[in-house]
Amino acid sequence: MRKTLGEQEGIRKHFRAYFERFGKKVNYNGYTDTTLLLRNIVDVETQQVVTDHLWLSYTKGFEKVNLKEGMTIVFEARVKEYKKGYVNKAIGINNRRKDFKLSFPTKIRIVSDKTQNKDN
C-alpha cells in the first residue's frame, strides 16, 4: 500500500515522474485502452518519493505533450483511494484491499527529455 499517498487522500498536489513506457488494458466494453507507466513519482513540494510506479490512463492531457520514453514530467493530480485485488464469489475468494492512486492529472509538462541524447 502507498502509505505516503494515503496520508494525503483528497488533496491535489504537484508531482514529478519518469515516463517509462506505454501499455494496454481491456476496458469494461472489451476494447483496449492505452495506459502509461510512470516511475519514481515524487511529491514536488516535499521532494519525497510517494511511490515507485504508477499506471495511468493515456488521457488527452498526456497526448498534448507528445510523451516519449525517458522523459521526466511534472503534473498535478488528486490522491484518491481505490480497491484492488481478486474476487471470486463462487469459490469464496476475496483478496480485495485498499490502495491509493493519482487521479485527474492536469497541467502536464515535460521538464527533462533524455530521449534527445540517444540520437547523439
PDB file of N, CA and C in Angstrom:
ATOM      1  N   MET A   1       0.842  -1.186   0.000  1.00  0.00           N
ATOM      2  CA  MET A   1       0.000   0.000   0.000  1.00  0.00           C
ATOM      3  C   MET A   1       0.887   1.248   0.000  1.00  0.00           C
ATOM      4  N   ARG A   2       0.415   2.255  -0.623  1.00  0.00           N
ATOM      5  CA  ARG A   2       1.154   3.506  -0.733  1.00  0.00           C
ATOM      6  C   ARG A   2       0.779   4.400   0.451  1.00  0.00           C
ATOM      7  N   LYS A   3       1.427   4.187   1.574  1.00  0.00           N
ATOM      8  CA  LYS A   3       1.071   4.880   2.820  1.00  0.00           C
ATOM      9  C   LYS A   3       1.283   6.379   2.730  1.00  0.00           C
ATOM     10  N   THR A   4       2.341   6.806   2.069  1.00  0.00           N
ATOM     11  CA  THR A   4       2.606   8.234   1.940  1.00  0.00           C
ATOM     12  C   THR A   4       1.470   8.918   1.197  1.00  0.00           C
ATOM     13  N   LEU A   5       0.957   8.273   0.158  1.00  0.00           N
ATOM     14  CA  LEU A   5      -0.180   8.831  -0.571  1.00  0.00           C
ATOM     15  C   LEU A   5      -1.440   8.803   0.288  1.00  0.00           C
ATOM     16  N   GLY A   6      -1.632   7.744   1.063  1.00  0.00           N
ATOM     17  CA  GLY A   6      -2.817   7.606   1.893  1.00  0.00           C
ATOM     18  C   GLY A   6      -2.982   8.734   2.894  1.00  0.00           C
ATOM     19  N   GLU A   7      -1.878   9.269   3.363  1.00  0.00           N
ATOM     20  CA  GLU A   7      -1.922  10.378   4.318  1.00  0.00           C
ATOM     21  C   GLU A   7      -2.413  11.666   3.668  1.00  0.00           C
ATOM     22  N   GLN A   8      -2.418  11.714   2.344  1.00  0.00           N
ATOM     23  CA  GLN A   8      -2.794  12.929   1.621  1.00  0.00           C
ATOM     24  C   GLN A   8      -4.049  12.729   0.773  1.00  0.00           C
ATOM     25  N   GLU A   9      -4.876  11.770   1.137  1.00  0.00           N
ATOM     26  CA  GLU A   9      -6.071  11.456   0.359  1.00  0.00           C
ATOM     27  C   GLU A   9      -6.961  12.687   0.185  1.00  0.00           C
ATOM     28  N   GLY A  10      -7.408  12.900  -1.052  1.00  0.00           N
ATOM     29  CA  GLY A  10      -8.300  14.004  -1.381  1.00  0.00           C
ATOM     30  C   GLY A  10      -7.600  15.305  -1.706  1.00  0.00           C
ATOM     31  N   ILE A  11      -6.293  15.365  -1.532  1.00  0.00           N
ATOM     32  CA  ILE A  11      -5.536  16.595  -1.765  1.00  0.00           C
ATOM     33  C   ILE A  11      -4.977  16.593  -3.187  1.00  0.00           C
ATOM     34  N   ARG A  12      -5.040  17.751  -3.834  1.00  0.00           N
ATOM     35  CA  ARG A  12      -4.464  17.925  -5.171  1.00  0.00           C
ATOM     36  C   ARG A  12      -3.064  18.497  -5.013  1.00  0.00           C
ATOM     37  N   LYS A  13      -2.074  17.839  -5.624  1.00  0.00           N
ATOM     38  CA  LYS A  13      -0.678  18.219  -5.442  1.00  0.00           C
ATOM     39  C   LYS A  13       0.087  18.163  -6.759  1.00  0.00           C
ATOM     40  N   HIS A  14       1.300  18.698  -6.738  1.00  0.00           N
ATOM     41  CA  HIS A  14       2.224  18.623  -7.875  1.00  0.00           C
ATOM     42  C   HIS A  14       3.127  17.407  -7.698  1.00  0.00           C
ATOM     43  N   PHE A  15       3.328  16.680  -8.788  1.00  0.00           N
ATOM     44  CA  PHE A  15       4.186  15.503  -8.772  1.00  0.00           C
ATOM     45  C   PHE A  15       5.156  15.556  -9.949  1.00  0.00           C
ATOM     46  N   ARG A  16       6.288  14.884  -9.780  1.00  0.00           N
ATOM     47  CA  ARG A  16       7.276  14.717 -10.852  1.00  0.00           C
ATOM     48  C   ARG A  16       7.473  13.220 -11.031  1.00  0.00           C
ATOM     49  N   ALA A  17       7.598  12.775 -12.272  1.00  0.00           N
ATOM     50  CA  ALA A  17       7.746  11.343 -12.533  1.00  0.00           C
ATOM     51  C   ALA A  17       8.532  11.119 -13.819  1.00  0.00           C
ATOM     52  N   TYR A  18       9.069   9.922 -13.922  1.00  0.00           N
ATOM     53  CA  TYR A  18       9.815   9.476 -15.095  1.00  0.00           C
ATOM     54  C   TYR A  18       8.873   8.599 -15.928  1.00  0.00           C
ATOM     55  N   PHE A  19       8.680   8.951 -17.202  1.00  0.00           N
ATOM     56  CA  PHE A  19       7.826   8.165 -18.084  1.00  0.00           C
ATOM     57  C   PHE A  19       8.631   7.004 -18.645  1.00  0.00           C
ATOM     58  N   GLU A  20       8.187   5.776 -18.325  1.00  0.00           N
ATOM     59  CA  GLU A  20       8.928   4.595 -18.768  1.00  0.00           C
ATOM     60  C   GLU A  20       8.407   4.019 -20.081  1.00  0.00           C
ATOM     61  N   ARG A  21       7.088   3.753 -20.162  1.00  0.00           N
ATOM     62  CA  ARG A  21       6.579   3.137 -21.390  1.00  0.00           C
ATOM     63  C   ARG A  21       5.060   3.187 -21.443  1.00  0.00           C
ATOM     64  N   PHE A  22       4.538   2.879 -22.629  1.00  0.00           N
ATOM     65  CA  PHE A  22       3.101   2.733 -22.836  1.00  0.00           C
ATOM     66  C   PHE A  22       2.695   1.285 -22.579  1.00  0.00           C
ATOM     67  N   GLY A  23       1.431   1.072 -22.305  1.00  0.00           N
ATOM     68  CA  GLY A  23       0.886  -0.262 -22.118  1.00  0.00           C
ATOM     69  C   GLY A  23      -0.546  -0.306 -22.629  1.00  0.00           C
ATOM     70  N   LYS A  24      -1.215  -1.409 -22.399  1.00  0.00           N
ATOM     71  CA  LYS A  24      -2.610  -1.585 -22.825  1.00  0.00           C
ATOM     72  C   LYS A  24      -3.392  -2.272 -21.717  1.00  0.00           C
ATOM     73  N   LYS A  25      -4.684  -1.973 -21.655  1.00  0.00           N
ATOM     74  CA  LYS A  25      -5.594  -2.691 -20.761  1.00  0.00           C
ATOM     75  C   LYS A  25      -6.924  -2.841 -21.480  1.00  0.00           C
ATOM     76  N   VAL A  26      -7.680  -3.841 -21.094  1.00  0.00           N
ATOM     77  CA  VAL A  26      -9.001  -4.056 -21.673  1.00  0.00           C
ATOM     78  C   VAL A  26     -10.019  -3.353 -20.782  1.00  0.00           C
ATOM     79  N   ASN A  27     -10.848  -2.490 -21.393  1.00  0.00           N
ATOM     80  CA  ASN A  27     -11.846  -1.765 -20.605  1.00  0.00           C
ATOM     81  C   ASN A  27     -13.110  -2.605 -20.425  1.00  0.00           C
ATOM     82  N   TYR A  28     -14.118  -2.037 -19.764  1.00  0.00           N
ATOM     83  CA  TYR A  28     -15.344  -2.768 -19.464  1.00  0.00           C
ATOM     84  C   TYR A  28     -16.128  -3.181 -20.708  1.00  0.00           C
ATOM     85  N   ASN A  29     -15.938  -2.472 -21.806  1.00  0.00           N
ATOM     86  CA  ASN A  29     -16.647  -2.796 -23.042  1.00  0.00           C
ATOM     87  C   ASN A  29     -15.887  -3.806 -23.909  1.00  0.00           C
ATOM     88  N   GLY A  30     -14.717  -4.246 -23.458  1.00  0.00           N
ATOM     89  CA  GLY A  30     -13.938  -5.218 -24.207  1.00  0.00           C
ATOM     90  C   GLY A  30     -12.937  -4.606 -25.165  1.00  0.00           C
ATOM     91  N   TYR A  31     -12.872  -3.275 -25.236  1.00  0.00           N
ATOM     92  CA  TYR A  31     -11.914  -2.591 -26.102  1.00  0.00           C
ATOM     93  C   TYR A  31     -10.628  -2.329 -25.333  1.00  0.00           C
ATOM     94  N   THR A  32      -9.534  -2.119 -26.070  1.00  0.00           N
ATOM     95  CA  THR A  32      -8.272  -1.823 -25.392  1.00  0.00           C
ATOM     96  C   THR A  32      -8.092  -0.317 -25.228  1.00  0.00           C
ATOM     97  N   ASP A  33      -7.563   0.060 -24.081  1.00  0.00           N
ATOM     98  CA  ASP A  33      -7.219   1.448 -23.788  1.00  0.00           C
ATOM     99  C   ASP A  33      -5.712   1.527 -23.604  1.00  0.00           C
ATOM    100  N   THR A  34      -5.129   2.628 -24.046  1.00  0.00           N
ATOM    101  CA  THR A  34      -3.705   2.844 -23.852  1.00  0.00           C
ATOM    102  C   THR A  34      -3.473   3.366 -22.440  1.00  0.00           C
ATOM    103  N   THR A  35      -2.421   2.859 -21.809  1.00  0.00           N
ATOM    104  CA  THR A  35      -2.032   3.310 -20.477  1.00  0.00           C
ATOM    105  C   THR A  35      -0.571   3.742 -20.528  1.00  0.00           C
ATOM    106  N   LEU A  36      -0.098   4.360 -19.454  1.00  0.00           N
ATOM    107  CA  LEU A  36       1.301   4.708 -19.382  1.00  0.00           C
ATOM    108  C   LEU A  36       1.850   4.394 -18.006  1.00  0.00           C
ATOM    109  N   LEU A  37       3.095   3.978 -17.985  1.00  0.00           N
ATOM    110  CA  LEU A  37       3.768   3.620 -16.749  1.00  0.00           C
ATOM    111  C   LEU A  37       4.703   4.750 -16.342  1.00  0.00           C
ATOM    112  N   LEU A  38       4.461   5.283 -15.149  1.00  0.00           N
ATOM    113  CA  LEU A  38       5.332   6.302 -14.580  1.00  0.00           C
ATOM    114  C   LEU A  38       6.147   5.666 -13.464  1.00  0.00           C
ATOM    115  N   ARG A  39       7.397   6.039 -13.354  1.00  0.00           N
ATOM    116  CA  ARG A  39       8.303   5.517 -12.323  1.00  0.00           C
ATOM    117  C   ARG A  39       8.778   6.661 -11.427  1.00  0.00           C
ATOM    118  N   ASN A  40       9.140   6.312 -10.203  1.00  0.00           N
ATOM    119  CA  ASN A  40       9.733   7.247  -9.236  1.00  0.00           C
ATOM    120  C   ASN A  40       8.908   8.532  -9.111  1.00  0.00           C
ATOM    121  N   ILE A  41       7.674   8.401  -8.662  1.00  0.00           N
ATOM    122  CA  ILE A  41       6.792   9.545  -8.513  1.00  0.00           C
ATOM    123  C   ILE A  41       7.161  10.284  -7.236  1.00  0.00           C
ATOM    124  N   VAL A  42       7.464  11.583  -7.391  1.00  0.00           N
ATOM    125  CA  VAL A  42       7.948  12.412  -6.286  1.00  0.00           C
ATOM    126  C   VAL A  42       6.970  13.556  -6.046  1.00  0.00           C
ATOM    127  N   ASP A  43       6.668  13.821  -4.774  1.00  0.00           N
ATOM    128  CA  ASP A  43       5.891  14.998  -4.383  1.00  0.00           C
ATOM    129  C   ASP A  43       6.829  16.193  -4.549  1.00  0.00           C
ATOM    130  N   VAL A  44       6.503  17.118  -5.438  1.00  0.00           N
ATOM    131  CA  VAL A  44       7.391  18.242  -5.743  1.00  0.00           C
ATOM    132  C   VAL A  44       7.610  19.119  -4.514  1.00  0.00           C
ATOM    133  N   GLU A  45       6.599  19.293  -3.699  1.00  0.00           N
ATOM    134  CA  GLU A  45       6.688  20.163  -2.527  1.00  0.00           C
ATOM    135  C   GLU A  45       7.679  19.630  -1.484  1.00  0.00           C
ATOM    136  N   THR A  46       7.603  18.336  -1.177  1.00  0.00           N
ATOM    137  CA  THR A  46       8.437  17.755  -0.121  1.00  0.00           C
ATOM    138  C   THR A  46       9.671  17.040  -0.665  1.00  0.00           C
ATOM    139  N   GLN A  47       9.752  16.830  -1.980  1.00  0.00           N
ATOM    140  CA  GLN A  47      10.830  16.074  -2.637  1.00  0.00           C
ATOM    141  C   GLN A  47      10.909  14.640  -2.120  1.00  0.00           C
ATOM    142  N   GLN A  48       9.780  14.102  -1.653  1.00  0.00           N
ATOM    143  CA  GLN A  48       9.713  12.746  -1.126  1.00  0.00           C
ATOM    144  C   GLN A  48       9.098  11.817  -2.178  1.00  0.00           C
ATOM    145  N   VAL A  49       9.687  10.632  -2.354  1.00  0.00           N
ATOM    146  CA  VAL A  49       9.136   9.642  -3.279  1.00  0.00           C
ATOM    147  C   VAL A  49       7.851   9.095  -2.657  1.00  0.00           C
ATOM    148  N   VAL A  50       6.733   9.191  -3.396  1.00  0.00           N
ATOM    149  CA  VAL A  50       5.454   8.710  -2.868  1.00  0.00           C
ATOM    150  C   VAL A  50       5.137   7.294  -3.331  1.00  0.00           C
ATOM    151  N   THR A  51       5.685   6.885  -4.467  1.00  0.00           N
ATOM    152  CA  THR A  51       5.545   5.505  -4.940  1.00  0.00           C
ATOM    153  C   THR A  51       6.580   5.231  -6.015  1.00  0.00           C
ATOM    154  N   ASP A  52       6.943   3.959  -6.147  1.00  0.00           N
ATOM    155  CA  ASP A  52       7.962   3.600  -7.133  1.00  0.00           C
ATOM    156  C   ASP A  52       7.403   3.524  -8.543  1.00  0.00           C
ATOM    157  N   HIS A  53       6.106   3.210  -8.686  1.00  0.00           N
ATOM    158  CA  HIS A  53       5.499   3.171 -10.021  1.00  0.00           C
ATOM    159  C   HIS A  53       3.999   3.432  -9.929  1.00  0.00           C
ATOM    160  N   LEU A  54       3.431   3.769 -11.076  1.00  0.00           N
ATOM    161  CA  LEU A  54       2.005   4.064 -11.158  1.00  0.00           C
ATOM    162  C   LEU A  54       1.570   3.929 -12.610  1.00  0.00           C
ATOM    163  N   TRP A  55       0.435   3.264 -12.821  1.00  0.00           N
ATOM    164  CA  TRP A  55      -0.154   3.173 -14.156  1.00  0.00           C
ATOM    165  C   TRP A  55      -1.283   4.190 -14.242  1.00  0.00           C
ATOM    166  N   LEU A  56      -1.315   4.973 -15.328  1.00  0.00           N
ATOM    167  CA  LEU A  56      -2.378   5.947 -15.568  1.00  0.00           C
ATOM    168  C   LEU A  56      -2.951   5.742 -16.962  1.00  0.00           C
ATOM    169  N   SER A  57      -4.178   6.171 -17.143  1.00  0.00           N
ATOM    170  CA  SER A  57      -4.767   6.153 -18.484  1.00  0.00           C
ATOM    171  C   SER A  57      -4.119   7.231 -19.334  1.00  0.00           C
ATOM    172  N   TYR A  58      -4.001   6.950 -20.612  1.00  0.00           N
ATOM    173  CA  TYR A  58      -3.417   7.891 -21.562  1.00  0.00           C
ATOM    174  C   TYR A  58      -4.494   8.880 -21.974  1.00  0.00           C
ATOM    175  N   THR A  59      -4.597   9.974 -21.227  1.00  0.00           N
ATOM    176  CA  THR A  59      -5.646  10.968 -21.444  1.00  0.00           C
ATOM    177  C   THR A  59      -5.211  12.012 -22.474  1.00  0.00           C
ATOM    178  N   LYS A  60      -6.131  12.905 -22.830  1.00  0.00           N
ATOM    179  CA  LYS A  60      -5.820  13.953 -23.797  1.00  0.00           C
ATOM    180  C   LYS A  60      -4.709  14.869 -23.308  1.00  0.00           C
ATOM    181  N   GLY A  61      -4.637  15.073 -22.005  1.00  0.00           N
ATOM    182  CA  GLY A  61      -3.563  15.895 -21.445  1.00  0.00           C
ATOM    183  C   GLY A  61      -2.197  15.321 -21.734  1.00  0.00           C
ATOM    184  N   PHE A  62      -2.063  13.988 -21.647  1.00  0.00           N
ATOM    185  CA  PHE A  62      -0.787  13.337 -21.960  1.00  0.00           C
ATOM    186  C   PHE A  62      -0.539  13.335 -23.469  1.00  0.00           C
ATOM    187  N   GLU A  63      -1.595  13.214 -24.268  1.00  0.00           N
ATOM    188  CA  GLU A  63      -1.441  13.246 -25.726  1.00  0.00           C
ATOM    189  C   GLU A  63      -0.857  14.581 -26.182  1.00  0.00           C
ATOM    190  N   LYS A  64      -1.262  15.674 -25.549  1.00  0.00           N
ATOM    191  CA  LYS A  64      -0.822  17.010 -25.953  1.00  0.00           C
ATOM    192  C   LYS A  64       0.671  17.232 -25.776  1.00  0.00           C
ATOM    193  N   VAL A  65       1.286  16.570 -24.787  1.00  0.00           N
ATOM    194  CA  VAL A  65       2.716  16.797 -24.543  1.00  0.00           C
ATOM    195  C   VAL A  65       3.607  15.880 -25.367  1.00  0.00           C
ATOM    196  N   ASN A  66       3.030  14.945 -26.128  1.00  0.00           N
ATOM    197  CA  ASN A  66       3.797  14.075 -27.018  1.00  0.00           C
ATOM    198  C   ASN A  66       4.892  13.318 -26.262  1.00  0.00           C
ATOM    199  N   LEU A  67       4.480  12.477 -25.336  1.00  0.00           N
ATOM    200  CA  LEU A  67       5.407  11.722 -24.496  1.00  0.00           C
ATOM    201  C   LEU A  67       6.261  10.740 -25.282  1.00  0.00           C
ATOM    202  N   LYS A  68       7.520  10.643 -24.867  1.00  0.00           N
ATOM    203  CA  LYS A  68       8.441   9.640 -25.387  1.00  0.00           C
ATOM    204  C   LYS A  68       9.132   9.003 -24.186  1.00  0.00           C
ATOM    205  N   GLU A  69       9.490   7.742 -24.320  1.00  0.00           N
ATOM    206  CA  GLU A  69      10.148   7.027 -23.238  1.00  0.00           C
ATOM    207  C   GLU A  69      11.414   7.752 -22.808  1.00  0.00           C
ATOM    208  N   GLY A  70      11.575   7.902 -21.500  1.00  0.00           N
ATOM    209  CA  GLY A  70      12.752   8.559 -20.960  1.00  0.00           C
ATOM    210  C   GLY A  70      12.536   9.988 -20.515  1.00  0.00           C
ATOM    211  N   MET A  71      11.367  10.540 -20.777  1.00  0.00           N
ATOM    212  CA  MET A  71      11.084  11.913 -20.381  1.00  0.00           C
ATOM    213  C   MET A  71      10.711  12.001 -18.905  1.00  0.00           C
ATOM    214  N   THR A  72      11.073  13.113 -18.281  1.00  0.00           N
ATOM    215  CA  THR A  72      10.616  13.419 -16.931  1.00  0.00           C
ATOM    216  C   THR A  72       9.537  14.480 -17.061  1.00  0.00           C
ATOM    217  N   ILE A  73       8.417  14.245 -16.379  1.00  0.00           N
ATOM    218  CA  ILE A  73       7.290  15.162 -16.473  1.00  0.00           C
ATOM    219  C   ILE A  73       6.883  15.644 -15.087  1.00  0.00           C
ATOM    220  N   VAL A  74       6.196  16.782 -15.045  1.00  0.00           N
ATOM    221  CA  VAL A  74       5.540  17.252 -13.828  1.00  0.00           C
ATOM    222  C   VAL A  74       4.063  17.412 -14.155  1.00  0.00           C
ATOM    223  N   PHE A  75       3.234  17.209 -13.149  1.00  0.00           N
ATOM    224  CA  PHE A  75       1.794  17.315 -13.342  1.00  0.00           C
ATOM    225  C   PHE A  75       1.115  17.490 -11.991  1.00  0.00           C
ATOM    226  N   GLU A  76      -0.141  17.900 -12.031  1.00  0.00           N
ATOM    227  CA  GLU A  76      -0.968  17.975 -10.836  1.00  0.00           C
ATOM    228  C   GLU A  76      -1.933  16.802 -10.864  1.00  0.00           C
ATOM    229  N   ALA A  77      -2.238  16.253  -9.688  1.00  0.00           N
ATOM    230  CA  ALA A  77      -3.211  15.162  -9.604  1.00  0.00           C
ATOM    231  C   ALA A  77      -3.778  15.116  -8.186  1.00  0.00           C
ATOM    232  N   ARG A  78      -4.936  14.494  -8.071  1.00  0.00           N
ATOM    233  CA  ARG A  78      -5.584  14.315  -6.770  1.00  0.00           C
ATOM    234  C   ARG A  78      -5.325  12.899  -6.272  1.00  0.00           C
ATOM    235  N   VAL A  79      -5.001  12.778  -4.993  1.00  0.00           N
ATOM    236  CA  VAL A  79      -4.778  11.476  -4.375  1.00  0.00           C
ATOM    237  C   VAL A  79      -6.140  10.876  -4.046  1.00  0.00           C
ATOM    238  N   LYS A  80      -6.344   9.631  -4.486  1.00  0.00           N
ATOM    239  CA  LYS A  80      -7.649   9.001  -4.342  1.00  0.00           C
ATOM    240  C   LYS A  80      -7.498   7.528  -3.944  1.00  0.00           C
ATOM    241  N   GLU A  81      -8.401   7.047  -3.114  1.00  0.00           N
ATOM    242  CA  GLU A  81      -8.400   5.645  -2.701  1.00  0.00           C
ATOM    243  C   GLU A  81      -9.106   4.788  -3.747  1.00  0.00           C
ATOM    244  N   TYR A  82      -8.644   3.545  -3.893  1.00  0.00           N
ATOM    245  CA  TYR A  82      -9.332   2.580  -4.743  1.00  0.00           C
ATOM    246  C   TYR A  82      -9.136   1.187  -4.159  1.00  0.00           C
ATOM    247  N   LYS A  83      -9.947   0.247  -4.614  1.00  0.00           N
ATOM    248  CA  LYS A  83      -9.852  -1.144  -4.165  1.00  0.00           C
ATOM    249  C   LYS A  83      -9.136  -1.952  -5.223  1.00  0.00           C
ATOM    250  N   LYS A  84      -8.204  -2.794  -4.791  1.00  0.00           N
ATOM    251  CA  LYS A  84      -7.518  -3.659  -5.737  1.00  0.00           C
ATOM    252  C   LYS A  84      -7.511  -5.074  -5.182  1.00  0.00           C
ATOM    253  N   GLY A  85      -7.323  -6.031  -6.055  1.00  0.00           N
ATOM    254  CA  GLY A  85      -7.275  -7.416  -5.639  1.00  0.00           C
ATOM    255  C   GLY A  85      -8.251  -8.274  -6.425  1.00  0.00           C
ATOM    256  N   TYR A  86      -8.219  -9.566  -6.161  1.00  0.00           N
ATOM    257  CA  TYR A  86      -9.011 -10.556  -6.891  1.00  0.00           C
ATOM    258  C   TYR A  86     -10.207 -10.983  -6.059  1.00  0.00           C
ATOM    259  N   VAL A  87     -11.389 -11.057  -6.706  1.00  0.00           N
ATOM    260  CA  VAL A  87     -12.606 -11.526  -6.042  1.00  0.00           C
ATOM    261  C   VAL A  87     -13.254 -12.592  -6.918  1.00  0.00           C
ATOM    262  N   ASN A  88     -13.604 -13.736  -6.312  1.00  0.00           N
ATOM    263  CA  ASN A  88     -14.363 -14.781  -6.979  1.00  0.00           C
ATOM    264  C   ASN A  88     -15.366 -15.315  -5.960  1.00  0.00           C
ATOM    265  N   LYS A  89     -16.588 -14.796  -6.015  1.00  0.00           N
ATOM    266  CA  LYS A  89     -17.616 -15.168  -5.030  1.00  0.00           C
ATOM    267  C   LYS A  89     -18.015 -16.631  -5.123  1.00  0.00           C
ATOM    268  N   ALA A  90     -17.905 -17.217  -6.304  1.00  0.00           N
ATOM    269  CA  ALA A  90     -18.323 -18.605  -6.497  1.00  0.00           C
ATOM    270  C   ALA A  90     -17.502 -19.573  -5.646  1.00  0.00           C
ATOM    271  N   ILE A  91     -16.228 -19.288  -5.478  1.00  0.00           N
ATOM    272  CA  ILE A  91     -15.391 -20.188  -4.677  1.00  0.00           C
ATOM    273  C   ILE A  91     -14.898 -19.538  -3.379  1.00  0.00           C
ATOM    274  N   GLY A  92     -15.443 -18.375  -3.062  1.00  0.00           N
ATOM    275  CA  GLY A  92     -15.167 -17.740  -1.777  1.00  0.00           C
ATOM    276  C   GLY A  92     -13.830 -17.042  -1.645  1.00  0.00           C
ATOM    277  N   ILE A  93     -13.306 -16.525  -2.748  1.00  0.00           N
ATOM    278  CA  ILE A  93     -12.037 -15.794  -2.681  1.00  0.00           C
ATOM    279  C   ILE A  93     -12.322 -14.293  -2.703  1.00  0.00           C
ATOM    280  N   ASN A  94     -11.748 -13.596  -1.741  1.00  0.00           N
ATOM    281  CA  ASN A  94     -11.849 -12.142  -1.716  1.00  0.00           C
ATOM    282  C   ASN A  94     -10.533 -11.575  -1.185  1.00  0.00           C
ATOM    283  N   ASN A  95      -9.654 -11.212  -2.093  1.00  0.00           N
ATOM    284  CA  ASN A  95      -8.353 -10.650  -1.736  1.00  0.00           C
ATOM    285  C   ASN A  95      -8.322  -9.135  -1.917  1.00  0.00           C
ATOM    286  N   ARG A  96      -9.463  -8.485  -1.833  1.00  0.00           N
ATOM    287  CA  ARG A  96      -9.531  -7.039  -2.021  1.00  0.00           C
ATOM    288  C   ARG A  96      -8.892  -6.309  -0.852  1.00  0.00           C
ATOM    289  N   ARG A  97      -8.206  -5.220  -1.188  1.00  0.00           N
ATOM    290  CA  ARG A  97      -7.652  -4.333  -0.171  1.00  0.00           C
ATOM    291  C   ARG A  97      -7.602  -2.926  -0.754  1.00  0.00           C
ATOM    292  N   LYS A  98      -7.464  -1.946   0.113  1.00  0.00           N
ATOM    293  CA  LYS A  98      -7.439  -0.576  -0.398  1.00  0.00           C
ATOM    294  C   LYS A  98      -6.015  -0.154  -0.719  1.00  0.00           C
ATOM    295  N   ASP A  99      -5.915   0.711  -1.701  1.00  0.00           N
ATOM    296  CA  ASP A  99      -4.653   1.291  -2.104  1.00  0.00           C
ATOM    297  C   ASP A  99      -4.952   2.719  -2.548  1.00  0.00           C
ATOM    298  N   PHE A 100      -3.935   3.446  -2.947  1.00  0.00           N
ATOM    299  CA  PHE A 100      -4.121   4.838  -3.347  1.00  0.00           C
ATOM    300  C   PHE A 100      -3.497   5.079  -4.710  1.00  0.00           C
ATOM    301  N   LYS A 101      -4.126   5.975  -5.470  1.00  0.00           N
ATOM    302  CA  LYS A 101      -3.685   6.294  -6.822  1.00  0.00           C
ATOM    303  C   LYS A 101      -3.723   7.798  -7.018  1.00  0.00           C
ATOM    304  N   LEU A 102      -3.258   8.246  -8.172  1.00  0.00           N
ATOM    305  CA  LEU A 102      -3.355   9.648  -8.555  1.00  0.00           C
ATOM    306  C   LEU A 102      -4.401   9.744  -9.652  1.00  0.00           C
ATOM    307  N   SER A 103      -5.374  10.641  -9.437  1.00  0.00           N
ATOM    308  CA  SER A 103      -6.483  10.796 -10.384  1.00  0.00           C
ATOM    309  C   SER A 103      -6.510  12.196 -10.976  1.00  0.00           C
ATOM    310  N   PHE A 104      -7.152  12.303 -12.119  1.00  0.00           N
ATOM    311  CA  PHE A 104      -7.390  13.568 -12.802  1.00  0.00           C
ATOM    312  C   PHE A 104      -6.102  14.370 -13.018  1.00  0.00           C
ATOM    313  N   PRO A 105      -5.116  13.789 -13.722  1.00  0.00           N
ATOM    314  CA  PRO A 105      -3.868  14.529 -13.969  1.00  0.00           C
ATOM    315  C   PRO A 105      -4.102  15.706 -14.917  1.00  0.00           C
ATOM    316  N   THR A 106      -3.568  16.867 -14.549  1.00  0.00           N
ATOM    317  CA  THR A 106      -3.679  18.075 -15.370  1.00  0.00           C
ATOM    318  C   THR A 106      -2.351  18.829 -15.332  1.00  0.00           C
ATOM    319  N   LYS A 107      -2.268  19.894 -16.092  1.00  0.00           N
ATOM    320  CA  LYS A 107      -1.083  20.758 -16.147  1.00  0.00           C
ATOM    321  C   LYS A 107       0.191  19.938 -16.363  1.00  0.00           C
ATOM    322  N   ILE A 108       0.125  19.028 -17.316  1.00  0.00           N
ATOM    323  CA  ILE A 108       1.229  18.114 -17.607  1.00  0.00           C
ATOM    324  C   ILE A 108       2.244  18.831 -18.494  1.00  0.00           C
ATOM    325  N   ARG A 109       3.499  18.780 -18.087  1.00  0.00           N
ATOM    326  CA  ARG A 109       4.550  19.370 -18.925  1.00  0.00           C
ATOM    327  C   ARG A 109       5.854  18.597 -18.762  1.00  0.00           C
ATOM    328  N   ILE A 110       6.675  18.672 -19.787  1.00  0.00           N
ATOM    329  CA  ILE A 110       7.961  17.971 -19.812  1.00  0.00           C
ATOM    330  C   ILE A 110       9.008  18.871 -19.155  1.00  0.00           C
ATOM    331  N   VAL A 111       9.803  18.301 -18.241  1.00  0.00           N
ATOM    332  CA  VAL A 111      10.882  19.070 -17.612  1.00  0.00           C
ATOM    333  C   VAL A 111      12.262  18.570 -18.031  1.00  0.00           C
ATOM    334  N   SER A 112      12.349  17.335 -18.507  1.00  0.00           N
ATOM    335  CA  SER A 112      13.619  16.780 -18.958  1.00  0.00           C
ATOM    336  C   SER A 112      13.345  15.758 -20.039  1.00  0.00           C
ATOM    337  N   ASP A 113      14.110  15.859 -21.120  1.00  0.00           N
ATOM    338  CA  ASP A 113      13.919  14.952 -22.244  1.00  0.00           C
ATOM    339  C   ASP A 113      15.229  14.227 -22.523  1.00  0.00           C
ATOM    340  N   LYS A 114      15.423  13.072 -21.897  1.00  0.00           N
ATOM    341  CA  LYS A 114      16.636  12.256 -22.088  1.00  0.00           C
ATOM    342  C   LYS A 114      16.659  11.597 -23.462  1.00  0.00           C
ATOM    343  N   THR A 115      15.509  11.571 -24.152  1.00  0.00           N
ATOM    344  CA  THR A 115      15.440  10.893 -25.449  1.00  0.00           C
ATOM    345  C   THR A 115      16.262  11.636 -26.499  1.00  0.00           C
ATOM    346  N   GLN A 116      16.454  12.946 -26.348  1.00  0.00           N
ATOM    347  CA  GLN A 116      17.235  13.707 -27.325  1.00  0.00           C
ATOM    348  C   GLN A 116      18.704  13.314 -27.307  1.00  0.00           C
ATOM    349  N   ASN A 117      19.203  12.877 -26.156  1.00  0.00           N
ATOM    350  CA  ASN A 117      20.607  12.493 -26.035  1.00  0.00           C
ATOM    351  C   ASN A 117      20.904  11.147 -26.692  1.00  0.00           C
ATOM    352  N   LYS A 118      19.898  10.319 -26.910  1.00  0.00           N
ATOM    353  CA  LYS A 118      20.104   8.994 -27.508  1.00  0.00           C
ATOM    354  C   LYS A 118      20.539   9.084 -28.962  1.00  0.00           C
ATOM    355  N   ASP A 119      20.136  10.143 -29.663  1.00  0.00           N
ATOM    356  CA  ASP A 119      20.455  10.279 -31.072  1.00  0.00           C
ATOM    357  C   ASP A 119      21.898  10.767 -31.297  1.00  0.00           C
ATOM    358  N   ASN A 120      22.492  11.398 -30.300  1.00  0.00           N
ATOM    359  CA  ASN A 120      23.833  11.985 -30.438  1.00  0.00           C
ATOM    360  C   ASN A 120      24.924  10.965 -30.314  1.00  0.00           C
TER     361      ASN A 120
END
